Amino acid sequence: MPSVDARPVAEGGGGWDARPMLAADRGGFIDRHGLWTQAHHAAAGQLRRVIDELGLELVRFSFADQHGVLHGKTLTRAAVPSALRSGLTAPSSLLLKDSSGRSAFPVFTPDAQAGFAGAGDVVLVPDPTTFRVLPWAEKTGWVLCDLRFPDGSPVPFCTRSMLREQIDKLGDHGYDMTVGVELEFHVFRAEEAAFAADRVGGPGAPGRPPRVGPVSGGAQLLHEEGLDRVDDVVQLLQRGLTTLDLPLRSIELEFGPSQLEITMQAGSARDAADQVVLARSAIRQICRRAGYHATFMSRPAGTATASTGWHLHQSLRERATGRTAFDPGPDETLMSSTARHWLGGLLAHAPAAAAFTTPTVNGYKRYLPFSLAPDRVLWGADNKGAMVRVVGGGTDSGARLENRSGEPAANPYLYIASQVVSGLDGLKHATDPGPPTENPYAADAVRLPRSLGAAVDALEADLVFADAFGARTIDWYAKLKRDEFARYLAHVSDWEQREYFDLF
């Protein structure tokens, strides 16, 4: 199948000829509430033409939940036109679950969250500009969705919409954001099925993880022959991701056993978040079908020598002129004053933002000294031990800030939105980031949170995030993460069993 077949439908109707909007396409939920622009309507016409030309039989309509994990429904070809008029429904309780799939909020009592009582429905509103054809699933398309309540009002916990709101605020200040992604992960050889019978906590709870074996030995960063030994995985991922028209730039061998990294070409913040959601899902599904197990868990058991991170590059452009806003001026070094103040905001709000950049219990086990992962809130000039690395000033790519604190399991919409919230506050208050560090693991500086619980404490204490996202949204997210952390603390680990069972 030619790669063009899988490309997202371009806004503005470029590429394929759009079908004319028919009267039957008007008057549904989407039109009634004015949820699409003309570009969306044109893209929907293109989507239907591609379905006809390629003979697609199924289309997956998906949304990213609070954890950045895709949920949704697969519709038959005949049902697609209705979904493009009226959306499709899913239980609102999907937004009230922690990472185990357990509901953290009551839904059948009078104190249920407003709009979520009785596990009533939310409406998935397709964004036809995200349409792609999946190369690993026969005659199947894929569309990303936003969420609305049945009365057409926004769902406050739709993380894709949360990012869009923050990007719009950034636009009001005259800037557009460019994001570059470096995403690390592990790929293992699967030695058994992923579903195990002994599920702790009863049916439906997370079960014993599958047994896996390594695909590479590690210890040789960017070793060409090491990468060649996993060339079957590299070829699978290259074909799959490029056929999806994701802006894949490189596939690299990392330091740890079975550890790989992809980088993607820099682009708009909104597009980058969508691309990460799809890339993670694609990598896991492609690998599973080929007998591998890919995971974006930061520190799987047995990988203590090299945890995985998500390095997020960010810069601003002036919306009116298109000029880069981070490049240093004639009397500036490394970066502009705009970049310095944005950086100051990232540092000032880093403890609170950690709840979004590192949203799992496991991710905090990555914050170790001398590990190429940060453990303190510091910045450095091209220093990979600092939380934020300033790089690129005076080069063709331009000055940019690389936040190295994130984990690859982070919800990309919340990760990027947290940077916008922090950076805008830095611009507002002209926050000074101080001097760069030359000793990132020994400097006397604020530590990043040591645990998910500590990060949530910091988030709840940071009024800037409550003002940006709304107090209700912060309370919702904090409750989900506190439940996750509480379940972790209550679990008797293998370490405790080994340490105490025979000794005492």
Protein backbone atom coordinates (compact mmCIF):
# COMPACT_ATOMS: atom_id res chain seq x y z
CA MET A 1 0.00 0.00 0.00
CA PRO A 2 1.53 3.37 -0.90
CA SER A 3 2.41 5.48 2.10
CA VAL A 4 0.16 8.30 0.91
CA ASP A 5 -2.84 6.10 1.69
CA ALA A 6 -2.17 6.40 5.40
CA ARG A 7 -1.58 10.11 5.55
CA PRO A 8 -3.71 12.25 7.80
CA VAL A 9 -6.26 14.35 6.00
CA ALA A 10 -4.76 17.83 5.70
CA GLU A 11 -6.63 20.84 7.06
CA GLY A 12 -7.81 23.16 4.35
CA GLY A 13 -8.71 20.38 1.94
CA GLY A 14 -5.25 19.87 0.42
CA GLY A 15 -4.33 16.56 -1.18
CA TRP A 16 -7.47 14.62 -2.03
CA ASP A 17 -10.56 16.31 -3.45
CA ALA A 18 -13.17 16.77 -0.78
CA ARG A 19 -16.70 15.54 -1.28
CA PRO A 20 -19.31 18.29 -1.25
CA MET A 21 -21.18 18.58 2.03
CA LEU A 22 -24.56 16.93 1.56
CA ALA A 23 -27.76 18.01 3.25
CA ALA A 24 -27.82 14.62 5.00
CA ASP A 25 -24.47 15.48 6.58
CA ARG A 26 -25.96 18.55 8.25
CA GLY A 27 -28.15 18.83 11.32
CA GLY A 28 -26.50 16.22 13.52
CA PHE A 29 -24.89 16.70 16.92
CA ILE A 30 -21.65 18.06 15.45
CA ASP A 31 -23.33 20.62 13.20
CA ARG A 32 -25.95 21.55 15.78
CA HIS A 33 -23.29 22.55 18.31
CA GLY A 34 -20.88 24.08 15.80
CA LEU A 35 -18.02 21.73 16.69
CA TRP A 36 -16.33 21.61 13.29
CA THR A 37 -14.72 24.26 11.15
CA GLN A 38 -15.06 24.25 7.39
CA ALA A 39 -11.67 22.52 7.28
CA HIS A 40 -13.09 19.67 9.38
CA HIS A 41 -16.07 19.31 7.04
CA ALA A 42 -13.73 19.21 4.03
CA ALA A 43 -11.54 16.62 5.77
CA ALA A 44 -14.60 14.49 6.53
CA GLY A 45 -15.44 14.45 2.84
CA GLN A 46 -11.91 13.36 2.03
CA LEU A 47 -12.09 10.67 4.70
CA ARG A 48 -15.20 9.16 3.13
CA ARG A 49 -13.62 9.18 -0.31
CA VAL A 50 -10.53 7.34 0.97
CA ILE A 51 -12.72 4.74 2.68
CA ASP A 52 -14.47 4.12 -0.64
CA GLU A 53 -11.31 4.08 -2.77
CA LEU A 54 -9.38 1.72 -0.48
CA GLY A 55 -12.36 -0.42 0.44
CA LEU A 56 -11.90 0.06 4.18
CA GLU A 57 -14.29 -2.01 6.25
CA LEU A 58 -13.57 -0.76 9.78
CA VAL A 59 -12.66 2.57 11.38
CA ARG A 60 -11.41 2.96 14.94
CA PHE A 61 -12.71 6.07 16.72
CA SER A 62 -10.47 6.69 19.74
CA PHE A 63 -9.79 9.25 22.45
CA ALA A 64 -6.85 9.56 24.82
CA ASP A 65 -7.92 9.14 28.43
CA GLN A 66 -6.40 10.81 31.48
CA HIS A 67 -3.42 8.44 31.30
CA GLY A 68 -2.82 9.04 27.59
CA VAL A 69 -4.16 5.56 26.76
CA LEU A 70 -6.52 5.16 23.80
CA HIS A 71 -10.11 4.03 24.29
CA GLY A 72 -12.95 3.99 21.79
CA LYS A 73 -15.03 1.94 19.40
CA THR A 74 -14.49 0.28 16.04
CA LEU A 75 -17.29 0.99 13.59
CA THR A 76 -18.18 -0.73 10.37
CA ARG A 77 -18.00 1.14 7.10
CA ALA A 78 -21.77 1.61 7.03
CA ALA A 79 -21.78 3.27 10.48
CA VAL A 80 -19.08 5.84 9.71
CA PRO A 81 -21.31 8.53 8.09
CA SER A 82 -23.52 8.64 11.17
CA ALA A 83 -20.47 9.02 13.45
CA LEU A 84 -19.27 11.90 11.29
CA ARG A 85 -22.64 13.65 11.78
CA SER A 86 -23.45 12.86 15.37
CA GLY A 87 -20.33 11.45 17.01
CA LEU A 88 -20.59 8.27 19.05
CA THR A 89 -21.07 7.62 22.73
CA ALA A 90 -18.98 5.98 25.44
CA PRO A 91 -19.41 5.68 29.23
CA SER A 92 -18.29 8.80 31.04
CA SER A 93 -16.87 6.61 33.81
CA LEU A 94 -13.84 5.93 31.59
CA LEU A 95 -12.60 9.34 32.73
CA LEU A 96 -12.90 8.43 36.41
CA LYS A 97 -10.57 5.44 36.46
CA ASP A 98 -7.04 5.09 37.75
CA SER A 99 -4.34 3.24 35.83
CA SER A 100 -5.69 -0.18 36.88
CA GLY A 101 -9.08 0.52 35.30
CA ARG A 102 -10.67 0.87 38.75
CA SER A 103 -13.14 3.75 39.22
CA ALA A 104 -11.76 6.21 41.73
CA PHE A 105 -15.00 8.23 42.01
CA PRO A 106 -18.56 7.23 42.88
CA VAL A 107 -20.98 7.35 39.96
CA PHE A 108 -24.15 5.83 41.46
CA THR A 109 -24.49 8.12 44.47
CA PRO A 110 -25.72 11.70 44.92
CA ASP A 111 -22.13 12.98 45.31
CA ALA A 112 -21.06 11.82 41.84
CA GLN A 113 -19.03 14.21 39.71
CA ALA A 114 -21.25 16.69 37.88
CA GLY A 115 -21.97 15.33 34.41
CA PHE A 116 -20.82 11.82 35.32
CA ALA A 117 -23.67 10.53 37.49
CA GLY A 118 -24.93 7.08 36.67
CA ALA A 119 -21.98 6.40 34.37
CA GLY A 120 -23.91 8.26 31.67
CA ASP A 121 -22.48 8.80 28.23
CA VAL A 122 -20.07 11.31 26.79
CA VAL A 123 -19.93 11.96 23.05
CA LEU A 124 -16.80 11.21 21.05
CA VAL A 125 -16.50 13.94 18.42
CA PRO A 126 -14.26 12.78 15.56
CA ASP A 127 -11.51 15.03 14.30
CA PRO A 128 -11.35 13.98 10.63
CA THR A 129 -8.06 15.83 10.09
CA THR A 130 -6.41 13.03 12.13
CA PHE A 131 -7.66 10.22 9.86
CA ARG A 132 -5.14 7.55 8.91
CA VAL A 133 -5.14 4.05 7.49
CA LEU A 134 -3.53 1.52 9.82
CA PRO A 135 -0.86 -0.51 7.99
CA TRP A 136 -0.91 -3.38 10.51
CA ALA A 137 -4.68 -3.94 10.59
CA GLU A 138 -6.42 -5.05 7.39
CA LYS A 139 -8.80 -2.50 5.81
CA THR A 140 -8.90 -0.42 8.98
CA GLY A 141 -8.81 3.33 9.50
CA TRP A 142 -8.24 5.39 12.63
CA VAL A 143 -9.62 8.73 13.81
CA LEU A 144 -8.85 10.66 16.99
CA CYS A 145 -11.73 12.21 18.90
CA ASP A 146 -12.49 14.97 21.39
CA LEU A 147 -15.11 14.66 24.13
CA ARG A 148 -18.36 16.53 24.74
CA PHE A 149 -21.32 16.07 27.05
CA PRO A 150 -24.65 15.16 25.39
CA ASP A 151 -25.77 18.80 25.66
CA GLY A 152 -22.76 19.86 23.58
CA SER A 153 -20.80 21.42 26.44
CA PRO A 154 -17.08 20.62 26.85
CA VAL A 155 -15.99 17.73 29.05
CA PRO A 156 -13.52 19.36 31.46
CA PHE A 157 -11.41 16.21 31.72
CA CYS A 158 -10.75 15.83 27.98
CA THR A 159 -6.97 16.16 27.96
CA ARG A 160 -6.74 16.87 24.22
CA SER A 161 -9.06 19.84 24.74
CA MET A 162 -7.04 20.92 27.78
CA LEU A 163 -3.91 21.24 25.64
CA ARG A 164 -5.81 23.11 22.92
CA GLU A 165 -7.02 25.65 25.51
CA GLN A 166 -3.49 26.30 26.73
CA ILE A 167 -2.15 26.63 23.18
CA ASP A 168 -4.93 29.14 22.48
CA LYS A 169 -3.85 31.14 25.54
CA LEU A 170 -0.30 31.09 24.23
CA GLY A 171 -1.61 32.39 20.91
CA ASP A 172 -3.33 35.23 22.74
CA HIS A 173 0.15 36.24 23.92
CA GLY A 174 1.37 36.24 20.31
CA TYR A 175 3.27 32.95 20.22
CA ASP A 176 3.11 29.52 18.62
CA MET A 177 4.93 26.59 20.20
CA THR A 178 7.21 24.15 18.40
CA VAL A 179 7.85 20.77 20.01
CA GLY A 180 10.40 18.07 19.25
CA VAL A 181 10.07 14.57 20.68
CA GLU A 182 12.72 12.08 21.83
CA LEU A 183 10.87 9.02 23.11
CA GLU A 184 12.68 6.06 24.69
CA PHE A 185 11.16 2.62 25.23
CA HIS A 186 12.01 -1.06 25.65
CA VAL A 187 11.30 -3.88 23.22
CA PHE A 188 11.53 -7.46 24.50
CA ARG A 189 11.00 -10.81 22.86
CA ALA A 190 7.66 -12.11 24.13
CA GLU A 191 7.92 -15.60 25.64
CA GLU A 192 4.29 -16.01 26.70
CA ALA A 193 0.92 -14.40 26.15
CA ALA A 194 0.26 -11.07 27.82
CA PHE A 195 -2.82 -12.34 29.66
CA ALA A 196 -2.20 -14.27 32.88
CA ALA A 197 -4.81 -15.94 35.07
CA ASP A 198 -3.46 -14.86 38.46
CA ARG A 199 -4.82 -11.34 38.57
CA VAL A 200 -4.14 -9.64 41.89
CA GLY A 201 -7.31 -7.97 43.12
CA GLY A 202 -9.75 -10.16 41.23
CA PRO A 203 -11.05 -10.38 37.67
CA GLY A 204 -10.28 -7.33 35.58
CA ALA A 205 -7.38 -6.18 37.76
CA PRO A 206 -3.84 -6.02 36.38
CA GLY A 207 -2.35 -9.51 36.20
CA ARG A 208 1.12 -10.96 36.19
CA PRO A 209 3.13 -9.36 33.37
CA PRO A 210 4.19 -11.61 30.49
CA ARG A 211 7.56 -13.33 30.54
CA VAL A 212 9.94 -11.68 28.11
CA GLY A 213 13.50 -12.02 26.92
CA PRO A 214 16.02 -9.38 25.83
CA VAL A 215 16.58 -8.40 22.21
CA SER A 216 19.87 -6.59 22.82
CA GLY A 217 22.61 -6.75 25.43
CA GLY A 218 23.05 -3.07 26.18
CA ALA A 219 26.15 -1.19 27.39
CA GLN A 220 27.04 0.07 23.89
CA LEU A 221 25.26 3.32 23.13
CA LEU A 222 24.50 3.87 19.41
CA HIS A 223 26.44 0.70 18.51
CA GLU A 224 25.83 0.09 14.80
CA GLU A 225 26.20 -3.69 15.00
CA GLY A 226 23.99 -3.73 18.08
CA LEU A 227 21.27 -1.95 16.14
CA ASP A 228 21.78 -4.33 13.22
CA ARG A 229 21.06 -7.27 15.55
CA VAL A 230 17.57 -5.86 16.10
CA ASP A 231 17.11 -4.83 12.48
CA ASP A 232 13.89 -6.82 12.20
CA VAL A 233 12.38 -4.58 14.90
CA VAL A 234 13.85 -1.45 13.30
CA GLN A 235 12.39 -2.35 9.90
CA LEU A 236 8.98 -3.12 11.39
CA LEU A 237 8.84 0.21 13.18
CA GLN A 238 10.18 2.23 10.27
CA ARG A 239 7.61 0.81 7.87
CA GLY A 240 4.74 1.13 10.30
CA LEU A 241 5.42 4.65 11.54
CA THR A 242 6.31 6.17 8.17
CA THR A 243 3.30 4.54 6.51
CA LEU A 244 1.22 6.32 9.15
CA ASP A 245 2.92 9.51 7.96
CA LEU A 246 4.36 10.17 11.39
CA PRO A 247 7.42 12.46 11.14
CA LEU A 248 9.90 9.78 12.16
CA ARG A 249 13.45 11.15 12.17
CA SER A 250 15.52 8.33 13.68
CA ILE A 251 15.48 4.95 15.42
CA GLU A 252 18.40 4.64 17.80
CA LEU A 253 19.98 2.03 20.06
CA GLU A 254 20.09 3.29 23.61
CA PHE A 255 22.48 2.30 26.41
CA GLY A 256 20.27 -0.20 28.24
CA PRO A 257 19.45 -3.79 27.26
CA SER A 258 16.50 -3.93 24.84
CA GLN A 259 16.29 -0.15 24.92
CA LEU A 260 15.48 1.92 21.82
CA GLU A 261 14.60 5.52 21.07
CA ILE A 262 12.67 7.24 18.32
CA THR A 263 12.93 10.92 17.51
CA MET A 264 10.43 12.86 15.44
CA GLN A 265 10.76 16.04 13.43
CA ALA A 266 9.77 19.14 15.37
CA GLY A 267 6.31 20.54 14.71
CA SER A 268 3.36 22.25 16.32
CA ALA A 269 2.56 21.34 19.91
CA ARG A 270 -0.92 20.07 19.03
CA ASP A 271 0.37 17.83 16.25
CA ALA A 272 3.23 16.52 18.39
CA ALA A 273 0.86 15.38 21.13
CA ASP A 274 -1.36 13.52 18.63
CA GLN A 275 1.72 11.96 17.05
CA VAL A 276 3.03 10.62 20.36
CA VAL A 277 -0.34 9.04 21.19
CA LEU A 278 -0.45 7.30 17.84
CA ALA A 279 3.25 6.35 17.79
CA ARG A 280 3.08 4.64 21.19
CA SER A 281 -0.03 2.72 20.24
CA ALA A 282 1.44 1.79 16.85
CA ILE A 283 4.74 0.58 18.32
CA ARG A 284 3.01 -1.64 20.87
CA GLN A 285 0.57 -3.11 18.36
CA ILE A 286 3.16 -3.65 15.62
CA CYS A 287 5.55 -5.33 18.06
CA ARG A 288 2.86 -7.55 19.58
CA ARG A 289 1.82 -8.88 16.17
CA ALA A 290 5.46 -9.77 15.43
CA GLY A 291 6.09 -11.62 18.71
CA TYR A 292 7.63 -8.76 20.69
CA HIS A 293 6.53 -6.82 23.74
CA ALA A 294 7.11 -3.06 23.66
CA THR A 295 6.66 -1.01 26.82
CA PHE A 296 6.85 2.69 27.62
CA MET A 297 7.08 1.96 31.35
CA SER A 298 10.07 4.00 32.48
CA ARG A 299 11.90 1.42 34.60
CA PRO A 300 10.82 -2.18 33.97
CA ALA A 301 12.21 -4.85 36.29
CA GLY A 302 15.74 -5.80 35.29
CA THR A 303 16.56 -2.49 33.60
CA ALA A 304 18.16 -0.68 36.53
CA THR A 305 21.16 0.37 34.43
CA ALA A 306 19.08 2.53 32.09
CA SER A 307 15.56 3.81 32.67
CA THR A 308 13.71 5.39 29.76
CA GLY A 309 12.75 9.04 29.48
CA TRP A 310 10.86 11.40 27.22
CA HIS A 311 12.92 14.46 26.36
CA LEU A 312 10.67 17.29 25.24
CA HIS A 313 12.25 20.04 23.11
CA GLN A 314 10.33 23.30 23.04
CA SER A 315 10.62 26.74 21.50
CA LEU A 316 8.37 29.64 20.55
CA ARG A 317 7.77 31.59 17.37
CA GLU A 318 6.18 34.99 17.07
CA ARG A 319 2.78 34.43 15.53
CA ALA A 320 2.72 37.73 13.67
CA THR A 321 6.16 37.45 12.04
CA GLY A 322 7.09 33.77 12.23
CA ARG A 323 10.44 34.70 13.80
CA THR A 324 11.99 32.47 16.43
CA ALA A 325 11.53 33.91 19.91
CA PHE A 326 14.24 31.93 21.72
CA ASP A 327 17.29 32.84 19.63
CA PRO A 328 19.69 35.21 21.44
CA GLY A 329 19.90 38.79 20.31
CA PRO A 330 23.14 40.72 19.64
CA ASP A 331 23.78 41.34 23.34
CA GLU A 332 22.48 37.99 24.62
CA THR A 333 24.13 34.62 25.10
CA LEU A 334 22.63 31.15 24.68
CA MET A 335 19.04 32.41 24.45
CA SER A 336 16.77 35.43 24.35
CA SER A 337 15.14 37.07 27.36
CA THR A 338 11.87 35.44 26.28
CA ALA A 339 13.52 32.03 26.49
CA ARG A 340 15.08 32.88 29.87
CA HIS A 341 11.73 33.85 31.35
CA TRP A 342 10.02 30.78 29.84
CA LEU A 343 12.82 28.68 31.34
CA GLY A 344 12.33 30.43 34.68
CA GLY A 345 8.70 29.37 34.63
CA LEU A 346 9.58 25.75 33.84
CA LEU A 347 11.92 25.65 36.84
CA ALA A 348 9.61 27.51 39.22
CA HIS A 349 6.73 25.09 38.59
CA ALA A 350 8.74 21.90 38.00
CA PRO A 351 7.70 20.14 41.26
CA ALA A 352 4.01 20.62 40.45
CA ALA A 353 4.43 19.86 36.75
CA ALA A 354 6.08 16.56 37.70
CA ALA A 355 2.59 15.16 38.33
CA PHE A 356 2.07 15.54 34.55
CA THR A 357 5.58 14.94 33.23
CA THR A 358 6.05 11.85 35.43
CA PRO A 359 2.56 10.57 36.24
CA THR A 360 3.35 7.01 37.37
CA VAL A 361 4.76 5.50 40.55
CA ASN A 362 7.47 3.83 38.48
CA GLY A 363 8.70 7.01 36.80
CA TYR A 364 10.13 8.46 40.03
CA LYS A 365 12.58 5.56 40.28
CA ARG A 366 14.30 7.14 37.28
CA TYR A 367 15.27 10.32 39.16
CA LEU A 368 18.75 9.21 40.21
CA PRO A 369 22.08 11.08 40.29
CA PHE A 370 24.61 10.44 37.54
CA SER A 371 22.06 8.59 35.43
CA LEU A 372 21.51 11.07 32.59
CA ALA A 373 18.16 11.68 34.27
CA PRO A 374 17.69 14.77 36.47
CA ASP A 375 17.06 14.70 40.19
CA ARG A 376 17.17 18.48 40.85
CA VAL A 377 15.44 21.54 39.42
CA LEU A 378 18.33 23.06 37.48
CA TRP A 379 19.20 24.15 33.97
CA GLY A 380 22.44 23.81 32.08
CA ALA A 381 24.07 24.91 28.87
CA ASP A 382 24.14 21.69 26.83
CA ASN A 383 24.36 19.72 30.08
CA LYS A 384 22.47 16.41 29.98
CA GLY A 385 22.47 16.02 33.75
CA ALA A 386 20.32 19.12 34.25
CA MET A 387 16.54 19.05 34.23
CA VAL A 388 16.41 21.57 31.37
CA ARG A 389 19.14 21.66 28.77
CA VAL A 390 19.55 24.81 26.68
CA VAL A 391 20.83 23.97 23.22
CA GLY A 392 20.88 25.19 19.64
CA GLY A 393 21.54 28.91 19.96
CA GLY A 394 23.16 30.19 16.78
CA THR A 395 22.52 26.97 14.84
CA ASP A 396 20.21 26.30 11.91
CA SER A 397 17.64 24.68 14.22
CA GLY A 398 17.59 27.65 16.61
CA ALA A 399 17.69 27.88 20.39
CA ARG A 400 15.43 25.51 22.27
CA LEU A 401 14.85 24.15 25.76
CA GLU A 402 14.98 20.39 26.34
CA ASN A 403 13.06 19.25 29.40
CA ARG A 404 14.63 15.92 30.38
CA SER A 405 12.39 15.17 33.37
CA GLY A 406 9.49 13.47 31.57
CA GLU A 407 8.78 9.76 31.37
CA PRO A 408 7.63 8.07 28.14
CA ALA A 409 4.34 6.95 29.72
CA ALA A 410 3.20 10.55 30.26
CA ASN A 411 -0.05 11.75 28.72
CA PRO A 412 1.37 13.96 25.94
CA TYR A 413 -1.45 16.50 26.12
CA LEU A 414 -0.90 17.07 29.83
CA TYR A 415 2.90 16.98 29.57
CA ILE A 416 2.96 19.67 26.89
CA ALA A 417 0.15 21.67 28.51
CA SER A 418 2.11 21.74 31.78
CA GLN A 419 5.02 23.33 29.92
CA VAL A 420 2.77 26.01 28.44
CA VAL A 421 1.23 26.82 31.83
CA SER A 422 4.65 27.03 33.48
CA GLY A 423 6.28 28.96 30.65
CA LEU A 424 3.50 31.51 30.34
CA ASP A 425 3.70 32.21 34.06
CA GLY A 426 7.44 32.73 33.64
CA LEU A 427 6.78 35.24 30.86
CA LYS A 428 4.13 37.00 32.94
CA HIS A 429 6.45 37.49 35.91
CA ALA A 430 9.76 37.76 33.98
CA THR A 431 11.03 34.89 36.12
CA ASP A 432 14.81 34.66 36.31
CA PRO A 433 16.11 31.07 36.04
CA GLY A 434 19.42 31.98 37.65
CA PRO A 435 22.82 30.88 36.36
CA PRO A 436 23.38 27.54 34.60
CA THR A 437 24.67 24.63 36.62
CA GLU A 438 27.97 22.93 35.95
CA ASN A 439 27.43 20.32 38.67
CA PRO A 440 23.84 19.13 38.28
CA TYR A 441 24.04 16.20 40.71
CA ALA A 442 25.77 18.01 43.56
CA ALA A 443 24.41 21.54 43.47
CA ASP A 444 22.34 22.83 46.36
CA ALA A 445 19.00 23.06 44.57
CA VAL A 446 15.34 22.15 44.88
CA ARG A 447 14.89 18.42 44.36
CA LEU A 448 12.36 16.99 41.99
CA PRO A 449 9.64 15.11 43.89
CA ARG A 450 10.78 11.75 45.22
CA SER A 451 7.43 10.06 44.62
CA LEU A 452 4.12 10.42 42.83
CA GLY A 453 2.51 11.35 46.14
CA ALA A 454 4.97 14.20 46.67
CA ALA A 455 4.36 15.44 43.12
CA VAL A 456 0.59 15.52 43.71
CA ASP A 457 1.17 17.47 46.94
CA ALA A 458 3.18 20.02 44.93
CA LEU A 459 0.49 20.20 42.24
CA GLU A 460 -2.27 20.87 44.74
CA ALA A 461 -0.18 23.64 46.33
CA ASP A 462 0.55 25.39 43.01
CA LEU A 463 -2.22 27.90 42.35
CA VAL A 464 -0.98 28.62 38.83
CA PHE A 465 -2.14 25.19 37.66
CA ALA A 466 -5.49 25.54 39.43
CA ASP A 467 -6.00 28.87 37.67
CA ALA A 468 -5.01 27.44 34.28
CA PHE A 469 -6.87 24.12 34.35
CA GLY A 470 -9.55 24.91 36.92
CA ALA A 471 -9.70 23.74 40.55
CA ARG A 472 -12.17 20.98 39.66
CA THR A 473 -9.80 19.49 37.10
CA ILE A 474 -6.85 19.59 39.51
CA ASP A 475 -8.96 17.90 42.20
CA TRP A 476 -10.02 15.19 39.71
CA TYR A 477 -6.49 14.49 38.55
CA ALA A 478 -5.05 14.55 42.08
CA LYS A 479 -7.69 12.07 43.26
CA LEU A 480 -6.85 9.65 40.43
CA LYS A 481 -3.14 9.83 41.17
CA ARG A 482 -3.57 9.60 44.95
CA ASP A 483 -5.59 6.42 44.52
CA GLU A 484 -2.88 4.98 42.28
CA PHE A 485 -0.18 5.86 44.82
CA ALA A 486 -2.21 4.49 47.74
CA ARG A 487 -2.64 1.14 46.01
CA TYR A 488 1.12 1.03 45.46
CA LEU A 489 1.86 1.74 49.13
CA ALA A 490 -0.58 -0.96 50.24
CA HIS A 491 1.00 -3.63 48.04
CA VAL A 492 3.46 -6.05 49.68
CA SER A 493 6.44 -6.04 47.35
CA ASP A 494 8.93 -8.81 46.63
CA TRP A 495 11.58 -6.63 48.33
CA GLU A 496 9.65 -6.65 51.60
CA GLN A 497 9.12 -10.39 51.38
CA ARG A 498 12.82 -11.03 50.85
CA GLU A 499 13.92 -8.55 53.50
CA TYR A 500 11.64 -9.47 56.39
CA PHE A 501 9.90 -12.82 55.93
CA ASP A 502 12.78 -15.00 57.10
CA LEU A 503 14.62 -12.43 59.25
CA PHE A 504 11.72 -11.82 61.60
